[in-house]
C-alpha atoms as a PDB file:
ATOM      1  CA  MET A   1      10.924 -11.121 -14.751  1.00  0.00           C
ATOM      2  CA  THR A   2      12.987  -8.152 -13.042  1.00  0.00           C
ATOM      3  CA  MET A   3      12.298  -4.641 -14.806  1.00  0.00           C
ATOM      4  CA  LYS A   4      15.609  -3.180 -15.754  1.00  0.00           C
ATOM      5  CA  THR A   5      14.142   0.142 -17.219  1.00  0.00           C
ATOM      6  CA  LYS A   6      16.022   3.101 -16.188  1.00  0.00           C
ATOM      7  CA  ILE A   7      13.653   5.794 -16.902  1.00  0.00           C
ATOM      8  CA  THR A   8      11.315   4.366 -14.400  1.00  0.00           C
ATOM      9  CA  LYS A   9      13.862   3.542 -11.778  1.00  0.00           C
ATOM     10  CA  THR A  10      13.110   4.827  -8.394  1.00  0.00           C
ATOM     11  CA  LYS A  11      13.885   4.474  -4.706  1.00  0.00           C
ATOM     12  CA  ILE A  12      11.802   4.385  -1.517  1.00  0.00           C
ATOM     13  CA  ALA A  13      13.815   5.229   1.618  1.00  0.00           C
ATOM     14  CA  GLY A  14      16.829   4.541  -0.166  1.00  0.00           C
ATOM     15  CA  ILE A  15      16.034   1.045  -1.487  1.00  0.00           C
ATOM     16  CA  GLU A  16      16.288   0.563  -5.190  1.00  0.00           C
ATOM     17  CA  PHE A  17      13.102  -0.208  -6.876  1.00  0.00           C
ATOM     18  CA  GLY A  18      13.604  -1.321 -10.703  1.00  0.00           C
ATOM     19  CA  SER A  19      10.459   0.521 -11.854  1.00  0.00           C
ATOM     20  CA  PHE A  20       7.699   2.826 -10.756  1.00  0.00           C
ATOM     21  CA  VAL A  21       5.258   0.210 -10.440  1.00  0.00           C
ATOM     22  CA  CYS A  22       4.642  -2.705  -7.698  1.00  0.00           C
ATOM     23  CA  ASN A  23       1.977  -4.627  -6.084  1.00  0.00           C
ATOM     24  CA  ALA A  24       0.061  -3.416  -3.047  1.00  0.00           C
ATOM     25  CA  SER A  25      -0.534  -5.368   0.154  1.00  0.00           C
ATOM     26  CA  GLY A  26      -4.103  -6.769  -0.476  1.00  0.00           C
ATOM     27  CA  PRO A  27      -5.009  -8.917  -3.312  1.00  0.00           C
ATOM     28  CA  ASN A  28      -3.054 -12.021  -4.408  1.00  0.00           C
ATOM     29  CA  ASP A  29      -0.288 -12.006  -1.996  1.00  0.00           C
ATOM     30  CA  SER A  30      -0.937 -14.144   0.839  1.00  0.00           C
ATOM     31  CA  THR A  31       0.437 -17.392  -0.234  1.00  0.00           C
ATOM     32  CA  LEU A  32       4.122 -18.453  -1.191  1.00  0.00           C
ATOM     33  CA  GLU A  33       2.557 -19.318  -4.644  1.00  0.00           C
ATOM     34  CA  GLU A  34       0.861 -16.010  -5.150  1.00  0.00           C
ATOM     35  CA  LEU A  35       4.156 -14.237  -4.062  1.00  0.00           C
ATOM     36  CA  GLU A  36       6.262 -16.191  -6.387  1.00  0.00           C
ATOM     37  CA  ALA A  37       3.803 -15.157  -9.157  1.00  0.00           C
ATOM     38  CA  ILE A  38       4.639 -11.455  -8.347  1.00  0.00           C
ATOM     39  CA  VAL A  39       8.442 -12.367  -8.336  1.00  0.00           C
ATOM     40  CA  ASN A  40       8.021 -13.548 -11.848  1.00  0.00           C
ATOM     41  CA  SER A  41       5.940 -10.372 -12.976  1.00  0.00           C
ATOM     42  CA  ALA A  42       7.395  -6.807 -13.711  1.00  0.00           C
ATOM     43  CA  SER A  43       6.317  -5.489 -10.139  1.00  0.00           C
ATOM     44  CA  SER A  44       9.413  -4.003  -8.938  1.00  0.00           C
ATOM     45  CA  ALA A  45       8.912  -5.268  -5.404  1.00  0.00           C
ATOM     46  CA  ILE A  46       7.349  -8.044  -3.620  1.00  0.00           C
ATOM     47  CA  ILE A  47       4.749  -6.658  -0.869  1.00  0.00           C
ATOM     48  CA  PHE A  48       3.253  -9.076   1.357  1.00  0.00           C
ATOM     49  CA  LYS A  49      -0.390  -9.347   2.569  1.00  0.00           C
ATOM     50  CA  SER A  50      -0.927  -7.562   5.889  1.00  0.00           C
ATOM     51  CA  CYS A  51      -0.458  -9.954   8.571  1.00  0.00           C
ATOM     52  CA  THR A  52      -1.375 -10.655  12.050  1.00  0.00           C
ATOM     53  CA  ILE A  53      -0.041 -12.510  15.087  1.00  0.00           C
ATOM     54  CA  GLU A  54      -2.272 -15.536  14.499  1.00  0.00           C
ATOM     55  CA  PRO A  55      -3.655 -16.720  11.020  1.00  0.00           C
ATOM     56  CA  ARG A  56      -7.107 -15.326  10.114  1.00  0.00           C
ATOM     57  CA  LYS A  57      -9.753 -16.780   7.940  1.00  0.00           C
ATOM     58  CA  GLY A  58     -11.050 -13.326   7.518  1.00  0.00           C
ATOM     59  CA  ASN A  59     -14.659 -12.070   7.209  1.00  0.00           C
ATOM     60  CA  ASP A  60     -17.565 -14.387   5.658  1.00  0.00           C
ATOM     61  CA  GLU A  61     -18.231 -14.518   2.133  1.00  0.00           C
ATOM     62  CA  PRO A  62     -19.210 -12.673  -0.343  1.00  0.00           C
ATOM     63  CA  ARG A  63     -16.497 -10.293   0.938  1.00  0.00           C
ATOM     64  CA  TYR A  64     -15.389  -8.992  -2.273  1.00  0.00           C
ATOM     65  CA  VAL A  65     -17.266  -7.616  -5.164  1.00  0.00           C
ATOM     66  CA  ARG A  66     -15.907  -5.909  -8.648  1.00  0.00           C
ATOM     67  CA  LEU A  67     -17.802  -2.855  -9.572  1.00  0.00           C
ATOM     68  CA  PRO A  68     -17.487  -0.829 -12.749  1.00  0.00           C
ATOM     69  CA  TYR A  69     -14.814   1.407 -11.648  1.00  0.00           C
ATOM     70  CA  GLY A  70     -13.430  -0.467  -8.684  1.00  0.00           C
ATOM     71  CA  SER A  71     -14.321  -2.687  -6.203  1.00  0.00           C
ATOM     72  CA  ILE A  72     -15.875  -3.070  -2.273  1.00  0.00           C
ATOM     73  CA  GLN A  73     -14.356  -5.268  -0.043  1.00  0.00           C
ATOM     74  CA  SER A  74     -14.553  -6.288   3.453  1.00  0.00           C
ATOM     75  CA  MET A  75     -11.808  -8.795   3.784  1.00  0.00           C
ATOM     76  CA  GLY A  76     -11.121  -8.927   7.392  1.00  0.00           C
ATOM     77  CA  LEU A  77      -7.146  -9.317   6.982  1.00  0.00           C
ATOM     78  CA  PRO A  78      -7.299 -12.929   5.819  1.00  0.00           C
ATOM     79  CA  ASN A  79      -3.627 -14.108   6.220  1.00  0.00           C
ATOM     80  CA  LEU A  80      -1.323 -17.039   7.323  1.00  0.00           C
ATOM     81  CA  GLY A  81       0.327 -15.442  10.512  1.00  0.00           C
ATOM     82  CA  TYR A  82       3.305 -13.308  10.703  1.00  0.00           C
ATOM     83  CA  LYS A  83       5.463 -16.230  11.205  1.00  0.00           C
ATOM     84  CA  GLU A  84       4.726 -17.628   7.717  1.00  0.00           C
ATOM     85  CA  TYR A  85       5.657 -14.462   6.148  1.00  0.00           C
ATOM     86  CA  ILE A  86       9.048 -14.303   7.935  1.00  0.00           C
ATOM     87  CA  LYS A  87       9.725 -17.849   6.202  1.00  0.00           C
ATOM     88  CA  PHE A  88       8.484 -16.404   2.820  1.00  0.00           C
ATOM     89  CA  ALA A  89      10.880 -13.840   3.036  1.00  0.00           C
ATOM     90  CA  SER A  90      13.978 -15.919   3.472  1.00  0.00           C
ATOM     91  CA  GLN A  91      12.694 -18.120   0.554  1.00  0.00           C
ATOM     92  CA  LEU A  92      12.321 -15.175  -1.815  1.00  0.00           C
ATOM     93  CA  ARG A  93      15.546 -13.476  -0.843  1.00  0.00           C
ATOM     94  CA  LYS A  94      17.328 -14.821  -3.565  1.00  0.00           C
ATOM     95  CA  HIS A  95      15.257 -12.710  -6.041  1.00  0.00           C
ATOM     96  CA  ASP A  96      16.657  -9.379  -7.081  1.00  0.00           C
ATOM     97  CA  LYS A  97      13.732  -7.155  -5.862  1.00  0.00           C
ATOM     98  CA  PRO A  98      12.813  -5.332  -2.392  1.00  0.00           C
ATOM     99  CA  ILE A  99      10.839  -7.602  -0.148  1.00  0.00           C
ATOM    100  CA  VAL A 100       8.139  -5.424   1.939  1.00  0.00           C
ATOM    101  CA  ALA A 101       6.563  -6.986   5.006  1.00  0.00           C
ATOM    102  CA  SER A 102       3.021  -5.237   6.033  1.00  0.00           C
ATOM    103  CA  ILE A 103       1.894  -5.972   9.503  1.00  0.00           C
ATOM    104  CA  ALA A 104      -1.417  -5.211  11.184  1.00  0.00           C
ATOM    105  CA  GLY A 105      -1.681  -5.518  14.911  1.00  0.00           C
ATOM    106  CA  LEU A 106      -5.074  -5.909  16.772  1.00  0.00           C
ATOM    107  CA  CYS A 107      -3.255  -4.090  19.912  1.00  0.00           C
ATOM    108  CA  ILE A 108      -0.070  -2.175  20.331  1.00  0.00           C
ATOM    109  CA  ASP A 109       1.907  -5.264  21.683  1.00  0.00           C
ATOM    110  CA  ASP A 110       1.004  -7.095  18.394  1.00  0.00           C
ATOM    111  CA  TYR A 111       2.652  -4.199  16.454  1.00  0.00           C
ATOM    112  CA  VAL A 112       5.930  -4.360  18.795  1.00  0.00           C
ATOM    113  CA  LYS A 113       6.040  -8.169  18.506  1.00  0.00           C
ATOM    114  CA  MET A 114       5.910  -8.328  14.701  1.00  0.00           C
ATOM    115  CA  VAL A 115       8.110  -5.142  13.908  1.00  0.00           C
ATOM    116  CA  ARG A 116      10.798  -6.868  16.257  1.00  0.00           C
ATOM    117  CA  ALA A 117      10.312 -10.131  14.516  1.00  0.00           C
ATOM    118  CA  PHE A 118      10.523  -8.681  10.917  1.00  0.00           C
ATOM    119  CA  GLN A 119      13.609  -6.394  11.867  1.00  0.00           C
ATOM    120  CA  ASP A 120      15.458 -10.075  12.197  1.00  0.00           C
ATOM    121  CA  SER A 121      14.174 -11.279   8.967  1.00  0.00           C
ATOM    122  CA  ASP A 122      15.100 -10.943   5.472  1.00  0.00           C
ATOM    123  CA  VAL A 123      12.831  -8.264   4.482  1.00  0.00           C
ATOM    124  CA  ASP A 124      14.000  -4.781   3.398  1.00  0.00           C
ATOM    125  CA  LEU A 125      11.136  -2.649   4.612  1.00  0.00           C
ATOM    126  CA  ILE A 126       8.454  -2.911   7.142  1.00  0.00           C
ATOM    127  CA  GLU A 127       4.970  -1.291   6.361  1.00  0.00           C
ATOM    128  CA  VAL A 128       2.835  -0.756   9.275  1.00  0.00           C
ATOM    129  CA  ASN A 129      -0.796  -0.917   8.550  1.00  0.00           C
ATOM    130  CA  LEU A 130      -2.735   1.590  10.559  1.00  0.00           C
ATOM    131  CA  SER A 131      -5.506   1.831   8.214  1.00  0.00           C
ATOM    132  CA  CYS A 132      -7.631  -1.580   7.663  1.00  0.00           C
ATOM    133  CA  PRO A 133     -11.316  -0.430   7.675  1.00  0.00           C
ATOM    134  CA  ASN A 134     -12.846  -3.789   7.906  1.00  0.00           C
ATOM    135  CA  LEU A 135     -12.390  -5.308  11.154  1.00  0.00           C
ATOM    136  CA  GLU A 136     -15.459  -5.751  13.441  1.00  0.00           C
ATOM    137  CA  GLY A 137     -15.287  -3.493  16.227  1.00  0.00           C
ATOM    138  CA  LYS A 138     -11.980  -1.795  15.626  1.00  0.00           C
ATOM    139  CA  SER A 139     -11.504   1.583  14.796  1.00  0.00           C
ATOM    140  CA  GLN A 140      -8.602   2.402  12.193  1.00  0.00           C
ATOM    141  CA  VAL A 141      -5.654   3.301  14.176  1.00  0.00           C
ATOM    142  CA  GLY A 142      -4.468   6.034  11.663  1.00  0.00           C
ATOM    143  CA  TYR A 143      -7.296   8.282  12.833  1.00  0.00           C
ATOM    144  CA  ASP A 144      -6.431   7.951  16.552  1.00  0.00           C
ATOM    145  CA  PHE A 145      -3.198  10.249  16.538  1.00  0.00           C
ATOM    146  CA  ARG A 146      -2.608   9.497  20.478  1.00  0.00           C
ATOM    147  CA  GLN A 147      -2.613   5.764  19.767  1.00  0.00           C
ATOM    148  CA  THR A 148      -0.582   6.136  16.667  1.00  0.00           C
ATOM    149  CA  GLU A 149       2.275   7.999  18.523  1.00  0.00           C
ATOM    150  CA  GLU A 150       2.254   5.511  21.118  1.00  0.00           C
ATOM    151  CA  ILE A 151       2.690   2.603  18.289  1.00  0.00           C
ATOM    152  CA  LEU A 152       5.515   4.864  16.879  1.00  0.00           C
ATOM    153  CA  ARG A 153       7.164   5.487  20.184  1.00  0.00           C
ATOM    154  CA  ARG A 154       7.428   1.710  20.715  1.00  0.00           C
ATOM    155  CA  ILE A 155       8.288   0.472  17.373  1.00  0.00           C
ATOM    156  CA  ILE A 156      10.776   2.935  15.891  1.00  0.00           C
ATOM    157  CA  GLY A 157      14.313   2.040  16.725  1.00  0.00           C
ATOM    158  CA  LEU A 158      13.757  -1.781  17.151  1.00  0.00           C
ATOM    159  CA  GLY A 159      16.353  -2.597  14.487  1.00  0.00           C
ATOM    160  CA  ASP A 160      17.886  -1.050  11.417  1.00  0.00           C
ATOM    161  CA  LYS A 161      15.209  -1.951   8.796  1.00  0.00           C
ATOM    162  CA  LEU A 162      13.142   1.149   7.720  1.00  0.00           C
ATOM    163  CA  VAL A 163       9.577   1.184   9.098  1.00  0.00           C
ATOM    164  CA  GLY A 164       6.857   2.934   7.105  1.00  0.00           C
ATOM    165  CA  LEU A 165       3.229   3.628   7.605  1.00  0.00           C
ATOM    166  CA  LYS A 166       0.364   2.552   5.427  1.00  0.00           C
ATOM    167  CA  LEU A 167      -2.466   5.519   6.184  1.00  0.00           C
ATOM    168  CA  PRO A 168      -6.050   5.726   5.701  1.00  0.00           C
ATOM    169  CA  PRO A 169      -7.568   8.562   3.585  1.00  0.00           C
ATOM    170  CA  TYR A 170      -7.538  11.910   5.382  1.00  0.00           C
ATOM    171  CA  TYR A 171     -10.301  14.655   4.321  1.00  0.00           C
ATOM    172  CA  GLU A 172      -9.365  17.377   6.487  1.00  0.00           C
ATOM    173  CA  PRO A 173      -5.671  19.156   5.823  1.00  0.00           C
ATOM    174  CA  VAL A 174      -5.494  19.582  10.016  1.00  0.00           C
ATOM    175  CA  HIS A 175      -5.470  15.622   9.938  1.00  0.00           C
ATOM    176  CA  ASN A 176      -2.472  15.240   7.248  1.00  0.00           C
ATOM    177  CA  GLN A 177      -0.595  17.909   9.531  1.00  0.00           C
ATOM    178  CA  LYS A 178      -0.914  15.993  12.576  1.00  0.00           C
ATOM    179  CA  MET A 179       0.181  12.989  10.935  1.00  0.00           C
ATOM    180  CA  ALA A 180       2.851  14.546   9.297  1.00  0.00           C
ATOM    181  CA  LYS A 181       4.390  15.792  12.549  1.00  0.00           C
ATOM    182  CA  LEU A 182       4.108  12.270  13.901  1.00  0.00           C
ATOM    183  CA  VAL A 183       6.229  10.964  10.858  1.00  0.00           C
ATOM    184  CA  GLU A 184       8.679  13.701  11.348  1.00  0.00           C
ATOM    185  CA  LYS A 185       9.129  13.312  15.098  1.00  0.00           C
ATOM    186  CA  TYR A 186       9.576   9.614  14.714  1.00  0.00           C
ATOM    187  CA  LYS A 187      11.672   9.758  11.475  1.00  0.00           C
ATOM    188  CA  VAL A 188       9.295   7.280   9.715  1.00  0.00           C
ATOM    189  CA  SER A 189      11.076   6.295   6.395  1.00  0.00           C
ATOM    190  CA  PHE A 190       7.925   5.932   4.159  1.00  0.00           C
ATOM    191  CA  ILE A 191       4.255   6.252   4.037  1.00  0.00           C
ATOM    192  CA  THR A 192       1.637   4.385   1.892  1.00  0.00           C
ATOM    193  CA  CYS A 193      -1.245   6.320   1.216  1.00  0.00           C
ATOM    194  CA  ILE A 194      -4.094   5.450   0.671  1.00  0.00           C
ATOM    195  CA  ASN A 195      -5.784   2.357   1.909  1.00  0.00           C
ATOM    196  CA  SER A 196      -9.423   1.882   0.741  1.00  0.00           C
ATOM    197  CA  VAL A 197     -12.061   4.280   1.625  1.00  0.00           C
ATOM    198  CA  GLY A 198     -13.840   2.717   4.547  1.00  0.00           C
ATOM    199  CA  ASN A 199     -17.639   2.710   5.521  1.00  0.00           C
ATOM    200  CA  THR A 200     -18.956   2.585   2.169  1.00  0.00           C
ATOM    201  CA  LEU A 201     -22.077   0.867   1.008  1.00  0.00           C
ATOM    202  CA  VAL A 202     -23.011  -0.555  -2.392  1.00  0.00           C
ATOM    203  CA  ILE A 203     -26.633  -1.917  -2.715  1.00  0.00           C
ATOM    204  CA  ASP A 204     -28.071  -4.398  -5.393  1.00  0.00           C
ATOM    205  CA  PRO A 205     -31.393  -2.904  -6.282  1.00  0.00           C
ATOM    206  CA  GLU A 206     -32.949  -6.253  -7.604  1.00  0.00           C
ATOM    207  CA  LEU A 207     -31.876  -8.193  -4.491  1.00  0.00           C
ATOM    208  CA  GLU A 208     -32.690  -5.096  -2.328  1.00  0.00           C
ATOM    209  CA  ALA A 209     -29.674  -5.915  -0.155  1.00  0.00           C
ATOM    210  CA  PRO A 210     -25.829  -5.109   0.179  1.00  0.00           C
ATOM    211  CA  VAL A 211     -23.519  -6.675  -2.274  1.00  0.00           C
ATOM    212  CA  ILE A 212     -21.086  -7.763   0.525  1.00  0.00           C
ATOM    213  CA  LYS A 213     -21.958  -9.705   3.447  1.00  0.00           C
ATOM    214  CA  PRO A 214     -19.885  -8.537   6.317  1.00  0.00           C
ATOM    215  CA  LYS A 215     -20.493  -5.464   8.582  1.00  0.00           C
ATOM    216  CA  ARG A 216     -24.063  -5.166   7.324  1.00  0.00           C
ATOM    217  CA  GLY A 217     -22.561  -4.637   3.754  1.00  0.00           C
ATOM    218  CA  PHE A 218     -20.398  -1.638   4.576  1.00  0.00           C
ATOM    219  CA  GLY A 219     -16.768  -2.005   3.206  1.00  0.00           C
ATOM    220  CA  GLY A 220     -13.806  -0.388   1.793  1.00  0.00           C
ATOM    221  CA  LEU A 221     -14.141   1.178  -1.639  1.00  0.00           C
ATOM    222  CA  CYS A 222     -11.223   0.812  -3.842  1.00  0.00           C
ATOM    223  CA  GLY A 223     -10.081   1.383  -7.298  1.00  0.00           C
ATOM    224  CA  GLU A 224     -10.882   4.153  -9.812  1.00  0.00           C
ATOM    225  CA  TYR A 225     -13.458   5.611  -7.498  1.00  0.00           C
ATOM    226  CA  ILE A 226     -10.851   6.747  -4.843  1.00  0.00           C
ATOM    227  CA  LYS A 227      -8.027   8.046  -7.160  1.00  0.00           C
ATOM    228  CA  PRO A 228      -8.884  11.785  -6.545  1.00  0.00           C
ATOM    229  CA  ILE A 229      -8.832  11.221  -2.825  1.00  0.00           C
ATOM    230  CA  ALA A 230      -5.353   9.375  -3.019  1.00  0.00           C
ATOM    231  CA  LEU A 231      -4.083  11.963  -5.297  1.00  0.00           C
ATOM    232  CA  ALA A 232      -4.761  14.622  -2.708  1.00  0.00           C
ATOM    233  CA  ASN A 233      -3.536  12.685   0.161  1.00  0.00           C
ATOM    234  CA  VAL A 234      -0.095  11.987  -1.695  1.00  0.00           C
ATOM    235  CA  ARG A 235      -0.004  15.721  -2.834  1.00  0.00           C
ATOM    236  CA  VAL A 236      -0.606  17.149   0.639  1.00  0.00           C
ATOM    237  CA  PHE A 237       1.976  14.768   2.339  1.00  0.00           C
ATOM    238  CA  TYR A 238       4.422  15.433  -0.375  1.00  0.00           C
ATOM    239  CA  GLU A 239       3.992  19.273   0.174  1.00  0.00           C
ATOM    240  CA  LEU A 240       4.167  18.700   4.247  1.00  0.00           C
ATOM    241  CA  LEU A 241       7.351  16.286   3.845  1.00  0.00           C
ATOM    242  CA  LYS A 242       8.832  17.204   0.638  1.00  0.00           C
ATOM    243  CA  ASP A 243      11.843  14.550   0.355  1.00  0.00           C
ATOM    244  CA  LYS A 244      12.265  13.705   3.751  1.00  0.00           C
ATOM    245  CA  VAL A 245       9.850  10.780   3.588  1.00  0.00           C
ATOM    246  CA  SER A 246       9.374   8.295   0.397  1.00  0.00           C
ATOM    247  CA  ILE A 247       5.795   8.036  -0.630  1.00  0.00           C
ATOM    248  CA  PHE A 248       4.020   5.073  -2.104  1.00  0.00           C
ATOM    249  CA  GLY A 249       0.739   6.102  -3.924  1.00  0.00           C
ATOM    250  CA  VAL A 250      -1.878   3.692  -4.194  1.00  0.00           C
ATOM    251  CA  GLY A 251      -5.637   4.049  -5.079  1.00  0.00           C
ATOM    252  CA  GLY A 252      -6.976   3.527  -8.514  1.00  0.00           C
ATOM    253  CA  VAL A 253      -3.670   3.000 -10.487  1.00  0.00           C
ATOM    254  CA  GLY A 254      -4.964   1.096 -13.587  1.00  0.00           C
ATOM    255  CA  SER A 255      -2.935   2.985 -16.527  1.00  0.00           C
ATOM    256  CA  GLY A 256       0.212   4.849 -17.036  1.00  0.00           C
ATOM    257  CA  VAL A 257      -1.719   8.149 -16.986  1.00  0.00           C
ATOM    258  CA  ASP A 258      -2.892   7.285 -13.516  1.00  0.00           C
ATOM    259  CA  ALA A 259       0.928   6.699 -12.464  1.00  0.00           C
ATOM    260  CA  PHE A 260       2.022   9.504 -14.096  1.00  0.00           C
ATOM    261  CA  GLU A 261      -0.535  11.605 -12.163  1.00  0.00           C
ATOM    262  CA  PHE A 262       0.774  10.051  -8.901  1.00  0.00           C
ATOM    263  CA  LEU A 263       4.385  11.010 -10.045  1.00  0.00           C
ATOM    264  CA  LEU A 264       3.348  14.716 -10.445  1.00  0.00           C
ATOM    265  CA  ALA A 265       1.576  14.613  -7.069  1.00  0.00           C
ATOM    266  CA  GLY A 266       4.796  13.433  -5.391  1.00  0.00           C
ATOM    267  CA  ALA A 267       4.725   9.690  -5.230  1.00  0.00           C
ATOM    268  CA  ASP A 268       8.009   7.640  -5.564  1.00  0.00           C
ATOM    269  CA  VAL A 269       6.446   4.537  -6.542  1.00  0.00           C
ATOM    270  CA  VAL A 270       2.840   3.527  -6.970  1.00  0.00           C
ATOM    271  CA  GLN A 271       1.153   0.254  -5.704  1.00  0.00           C
ATOM    272  CA  VAL A 272      -1.442  -1.580  -7.700  1.00  0.00           C
ATOM    273  CA  ALA A 273      -4.351  -3.462  -6.089  1.00  0.00           C
ATOM    274  CA  THR A 274      -7.608  -3.520  -7.545  1.00  0.00           C
ATOM    275  CA  THR A 275      -6.121  -3.590 -11.406  1.00  0.00           C
ATOM    276  CA  PHE A 276      -3.940  -6.421 -10.128  1.00  0.00           C
ATOM    277  CA  GLU A 277      -6.936  -8.289  -8.931  1.00  0.00           C
ATOM    278  CA  LYS A 278      -8.743  -7.761 -11.969  1.00  0.00           C
ATOM    279  CA  GLU A 279      -6.204  -8.136 -14.557  1.00  0.00           C
ATOM    280  CA  GLY A 280      -3.406 -10.370 -13.250  1.00  0.00           C
ATOM    281  CA  ALA A 281       0.354  -9.824 -12.865  1.00  0.00           C
ATOM    282  CA  SER A 282       0.529  -8.832 -16.363  1.00  0.00           C
ATOM    283  CA  CYS A 283      -0.837  -5.260 -15.328  1.00  0.00           C
ATOM    284  CA  PHE A 284       2.757  -4.349 -13.866  1.00  0.00           C
ATOM    285  CA  GLU A 285       4.429  -4.420 -17.277  1.00  0.00           C
ATOM    286  CA  ARG A 286       1.639  -2.636 -18.922  1.00  0.00           C
ATOM    287  CA  ILE A 287       1.380   0.145 -16.659  1.00  0.00           C
ATOM    288  CA  ASN A 288       4.919   0.667 -16.463  1.00  0.00           C
ATOM    289  CA  ARG A 289       5.292   0.585 -20.214  1.00  0.00           C
ATOM    290  CA  GLU A 290       2.563   3.004 -20.637  1.00  0.00           C
ATOM    291  CA  LEU A 291       4.394   5.215 -18.022  1.00  0.00           C
ATOM    292  CA  GLU A 292       7.630   4.987 -19.980  1.00  0.00           C
ATOM    293  CA  GLY A 293       5.759   6.330 -23.113  1.00  0.00           C
ATOM    294  CA  ILE A 294       4.469   9.133 -21.321  1.00  0.00           C
ATOM    295  CA  LEU A 295       7.870  10.177 -19.949  1.00  0.00           C
ATOM    296  CA  GLN A 296       9.499   9.752 -23.503  1.00  0.00           C
ATOM    297  CA  ARG A 297       6.693  11.455 -25.336  1.00  0.00           C
ATOM    298  CA  LYS A 298       7.169  14.516 -22.984  1.00  0.00           C
ATOM    299  CA  GLY A 299      10.879  14.494 -23.142  1.00  0.00           C
ATOM    300  CA  TYR A 300      11.688  13.297 -19.500  1.00  0.00           C
ATOM    301  CA  ASN A 301      14.701  11.154 -18.721  1.00  0.00           C
ATOM    302  CA  SER A 302      13.747  10.014 -15.734  1.00  0.00           C
ATOM    303  CA  VAL A 303      10.845   9.946 -12.903  1.00  0.00           C
ATOM    304  CA  GLN A 304      12.856  12.192 -10.588  1.00  0.00           C
ATOM    305  CA  GLU A 305      12.533  15.000 -13.271  1.00  0.00           C
ATOM    306  CA  VAL A 306       8.697  15.002 -12.710  1.00  0.00           C
ATOM    307  CA  LYS A 307       8.180  13.848  -8.984  1.00  0.00           C
ATOM    308  CA  GLY A 308       6.179  16.546  -7.355  1.00  0.00           C
ATOM    309  CA  LYS A 309       6.351  19.006 -10.268  1.00  0.00           C
ATOM    310  CA  LEU A 310       2.518  19.598 -10.347  1.00  0.00           C
ATOM    311  CA  LYS A 311       2.034  23.106 -12.219  1.00  0.00           C
ATOM    312  CA  TYR A 312      -0.285  25.762 -10.900  1.00  0.00           C
END
């Protein structure tokens, strides 16, 4: 079903989204069957799994474990390879929802090749993932500002489709400022913040061992645990960039209250990952309905009346 609710209707980089809530690149979006389930849900967009040049099986199991307030994972980018997602885009184009490709290169040339390919595809937006924390021997590109600038220099302007960045969590304002300057310099159209919090460790005290296998148990923390970090990053980037750049907020969105908090911080749309994995596709309609209720109770007629209006 396609959301037609006007009160939560919004835009990312000029592209209309039928509601404030959509899926995140990550869980349940790797295969055509999974993507069609998203099409038939109340998610306001169809966001693909971050893809690489070649198909990847990902890391060894167990690599995803649910926790009381989220999850820890070290998936290792399992995906079907970018060519399959280009095919999926053409098959899903008939549906009235924005399609967002997400790409994760293992080197700069990978990013260039995939951005160029998706520029000639049926997607609406291209999300460049600079923040996967779970590849053996690979650092997160989003923490290397020189490498990030080199990637942006080579991928921006390859076509008319708008390009955005999926960013890691930043913990120092100077790092947000450095990234914001690059976003402005290269006219990046949107940012997605944040990806999971990397290098976290959860131990099973009975087994006396980590709960996941890859990287000796170190993985990305997701869900409610990371919401304060995600809100802070959305807020700082909103203050730095204002309305020059659209913002996807992601990290711990499990209710309409969570979505409303991201809206106050300055997000244009929230993406849902961990709750989607736990609850299934019905979560999108529930979260959006709860958000509508909050807006109506407070007397707001649109999300635009609230966006970024955090009170001090």
